[in-house]
C-alpha atoms as a PDB file:
ATOM      1  CA  UNK A   1      -9.765   4.811 -22.457  1.00  0.00           C
ATOM      2  CA  UNK A   2      -8.678   8.002 -20.618  1.00  0.00           C
ATOM      3  CA  UNK A   3      -5.612   9.380 -20.710  1.00  0.00           C
ATOM      4  CA  UNK A   4      -5.431  11.714 -17.567  1.00  0.00           C
ATOM      5  CA  UNK A   5      -2.243  12.153 -15.790  1.00  0.00           C
ATOM      6  CA  UNK A   6      -2.100   8.649 -13.833  1.00  0.00           C
ATOM      7  CA  UNK A   7       0.227   5.709 -13.234  1.00  0.00           C
ATOM      8  CA  UNK A   8       1.352   4.116 -15.805  1.00  0.00           C
ATOM      9  CA  UNK A   9       1.757  -0.080 -14.050  1.00  0.00           C
ATOM     10  CA  UNK A  10       0.722  -1.249 -10.938  1.00  0.00           C
ATOM     11  CA  UNK A  11       2.666  -3.834  -8.860  1.00  0.00           C
ATOM     12  CA  UNK A  12       1.410  -7.414  -9.798  1.00  0.00           C
ATOM     13  CA  UNK A  13       3.342  -9.135  -7.060  1.00  0.00           C
ATOM     14  CA  UNK A  14       3.551 -13.259  -5.919  1.00  0.00           C
ATOM     15  CA  UNK A  15       0.453 -13.756  -4.032  1.00  0.00           C
ATOM     16  CA  UNK A  16      -1.329 -12.062  -6.894  1.00  0.00           C
ATOM     17  CA  UNK A  17       0.022 -14.593  -8.999  1.00  0.00           C
ATOM     18  CA  UNK A  18      -1.068 -17.839  -6.511  1.00  0.00           C
ATOM     19  CA  UNK A  19      -4.470 -16.510  -6.580  1.00  0.00           C
ATOM     20  CA  UNK A  20      -4.875 -16.483 -10.233  1.00  0.00           C
ATOM     21  CA  UNK A  21      -3.565 -19.691 -10.152  1.00  0.00           C
ATOM     22  CA  UNK A  22      -6.063 -21.518  -7.741  1.00  0.00           C
ATOM     23  CA  UNK A  23      -9.177 -20.198 -10.087  1.00  0.00           C
ATOM     24  CA  UNK A  24      -9.880 -21.723 -13.434  1.00  0.00           C
ATOM     25  CA  UNK A  25      -8.564 -20.403 -16.713  1.00  0.00           C
ATOM     26  CA  UNK A  26     -12.343 -18.719 -17.308  1.00  0.00           C
ATOM     27  CA  UNK A  27     -12.798 -17.382 -14.063  1.00  0.00           C
ATOM     28  CA  UNK A  28      -8.643 -15.795 -14.283  1.00  0.00           C
ATOM     29  CA  UNK A  29      -9.899 -14.468 -17.459  1.00  0.00           C
ATOM     30  CA  UNK A  30     -12.757 -13.130 -15.610  1.00  0.00           C
ATOM     31  CA  UNK A  31     -10.705 -11.751 -12.853  1.00  0.00           C
ATOM     32  CA  UNK A  32      -7.725 -10.460 -15.044  1.00  0.00           C
ATOM     33  CA  UNK A  33     -10.391  -8.610 -17.675  1.00  0.00           C
ATOM     34  CA  UNK A  34     -11.884  -6.984 -14.754  1.00  0.00           C
ATOM     35  CA  UNK A  35      -8.520  -5.921 -13.715  1.00  0.00           C
ATOM     36  CA  UNK A  36      -7.614  -4.230 -16.212  1.00  0.00           C
ATOM     37  CA  UNK A  37     -10.571  -2.514 -16.394  1.00  0.00           C
ATOM     38  CA  UNK A  38     -10.866  -1.114 -13.474  1.00  0.00           C
ATOM     39  CA  UNK A  39      -6.697  -0.026 -13.141  1.00  0.00           C
ATOM     40  CA  UNK A  40      -7.622   1.661 -17.116  1.00  0.00           C
ATOM     41  CA  UNK A  41     -10.722   3.482 -16.433  1.00  0.00           C
ATOM     42  CA  UNK A  42     -11.910   2.753 -13.111  1.00  0.00           C
ATOM     43  CA  UNK A  43     -14.348   0.619 -14.111  1.00  0.00           C
ATOM     44  CA  UNK A  44     -15.624  -1.850 -11.228  1.00  0.00           C
ATOM     45  CA  UNK A  45     -16.910  -5.647 -12.227  1.00  0.00           C
ATOM     46  CA  UNK A  46     -20.831  -6.274 -11.717  1.00  0.00           C
ATOM     47  CA  UNK A  47     -20.615 -10.526 -12.749  1.00  0.00           C
ATOM     48  CA  UNK A  48     -17.669 -12.294 -10.812  1.00  0.00           C
ATOM     49  CA  UNK A  49     -18.152 -15.193  -9.445  1.00  0.00           C
ATOM     50  CA  UNK A  50     -17.697 -15.273  -5.051  1.00  0.00           C
ATOM     51  CA  UNK A  51     -13.521 -16.623  -6.199  1.00  0.00           C
ATOM     52  CA  UNK A  52     -13.298 -14.452  -8.968  1.00  0.00           C
ATOM     53  CA  UNK A  53     -14.598 -11.555  -6.544  1.00  0.00           C
ATOM     54  CA  UNK A  54     -11.896 -12.473  -3.822  1.00  0.00           C
ATOM     55  CA  UNK A  55      -8.965 -12.684  -6.149  1.00  0.00           C
ATOM     56  CA  UNK A  56     -10.547  -9.139  -8.091  1.00  0.00           C
ATOM     57  CA  UNK A  57     -10.478  -7.462  -4.335  1.00  0.00           C
ATOM     58  CA  UNK A  58      -6.582  -8.371  -3.372  1.00  0.00           C
ATOM     59  CA  UNK A  59      -5.880  -6.965  -6.639  1.00  0.00           C
ATOM     60  CA  UNK A  60      -7.416  -3.702  -6.407  1.00  0.00           C
ATOM     61  CA  UNK A  61      -5.827  -3.469  -3.201  1.00  0.00           C
ATOM     62  CA  UNK A  62      -2.181  -3.340  -5.103  1.00  0.00           C
ATOM     63  CA  UNK A  63      -3.966  -0.683  -7.984  1.00  0.00           C
ATOM     64  CA  UNK A  64      -5.810   1.625  -5.573  1.00  0.00           C
ATOM     65  CA  UNK A  65      -2.192   1.612  -3.726  1.00  0.00           C
ATOM     66  CA  UNK A  66      -0.187   2.240  -7.479  1.00  0.00           C
ATOM     67  CA  UNK A  67      -2.699   5.235  -7.803  1.00  0.00           C
ATOM     68  CA  UNK A  68      -2.356   6.613  -4.002  1.00  0.00           C
ATOM     69  CA  UNK A  69       1.734   6.176  -4.540  1.00  0.00           C
ATOM     70  CA  UNK A  70       1.251   8.331  -7.612  1.00  0.00           C
ATOM     71  CA  UNK A  71      -0.507  11.139  -6.564  1.00  0.00           C
ATOM     72  CA  UNK A  72       1.595  10.869  -3.593  1.00  0.00           C
ATOM     73  CA  UNK A  73       4.823  11.239  -5.595  1.00  0.00           C
ATOM     74  CA  UNK A  74       3.187  13.886  -7.868  1.00  0.00           C
ATOM     75  CA  UNK A  75       3.080  16.018  -5.002  1.00  0.00           C
ATOM     76  CA  UNK A  76       6.025  15.764  -3.215  1.00  0.00           C
ATOM     77  CA  UNK A  77       7.433  16.884  -7.213  1.00  0.00           C
ATOM     78  CA  UNK A  78       5.094  19.903  -6.528  1.00  0.00           C
ATOM     79  CA  UNK A  79       6.339  20.570  -3.289  1.00  0.00           C
ATOM     80  CA  UNK A  80      10.342  19.825  -4.489  1.00  0.00           C
ATOM     81  CA  UNK A  81       9.628  22.129  -7.743  1.00  0.00           C
ATOM     82  CA  UNK A  82       8.232  24.836  -5.728  1.00  0.00           C
ATOM     83  CA  UNK A  83      10.853  25.178  -2.999  1.00  0.00           C
ATOM     84  CA  UNK A  84      13.973  25.108  -5.627  1.00  0.00           C
ATOM     85  CA  UNK A  85      11.940  27.458  -7.611  1.00  0.00           C
ATOM     86  CA  UNK A  86      10.874  29.985  -4.702  1.00  0.00           C
ATOM     87  CA  UNK A  87       7.923  28.997  -4.147  1.00  0.00           C
ATOM     88  CA  UNK A  88       6.714  30.670  -6.859  1.00  0.00           C
ATOM     89  CA  UNK A  89       6.055  34.269  -4.362  1.00  0.00           C
ATOM     90  CA  UNK A  90       7.906  37.645  -5.847  1.00  0.00           C
END
């Protein structure tokens, strides 16, 4: 598992629970494992059924949003630190 600076979690909304609940247990497990691999190591699943892929794609949006929110927070934090510290100019 790579450990570069990244978000520690992603949002798992009620909608995601509802989508997973319509899958059978085996398919739900495939989706959860695929989301885990995507979130942890950016591995795209290649062996999901059509229904599993549909649910995965919906959950992937939440994972991707967590990464973009994290990047924005890092950027704004750096900008704030530069302002507080005089921007590093002499």
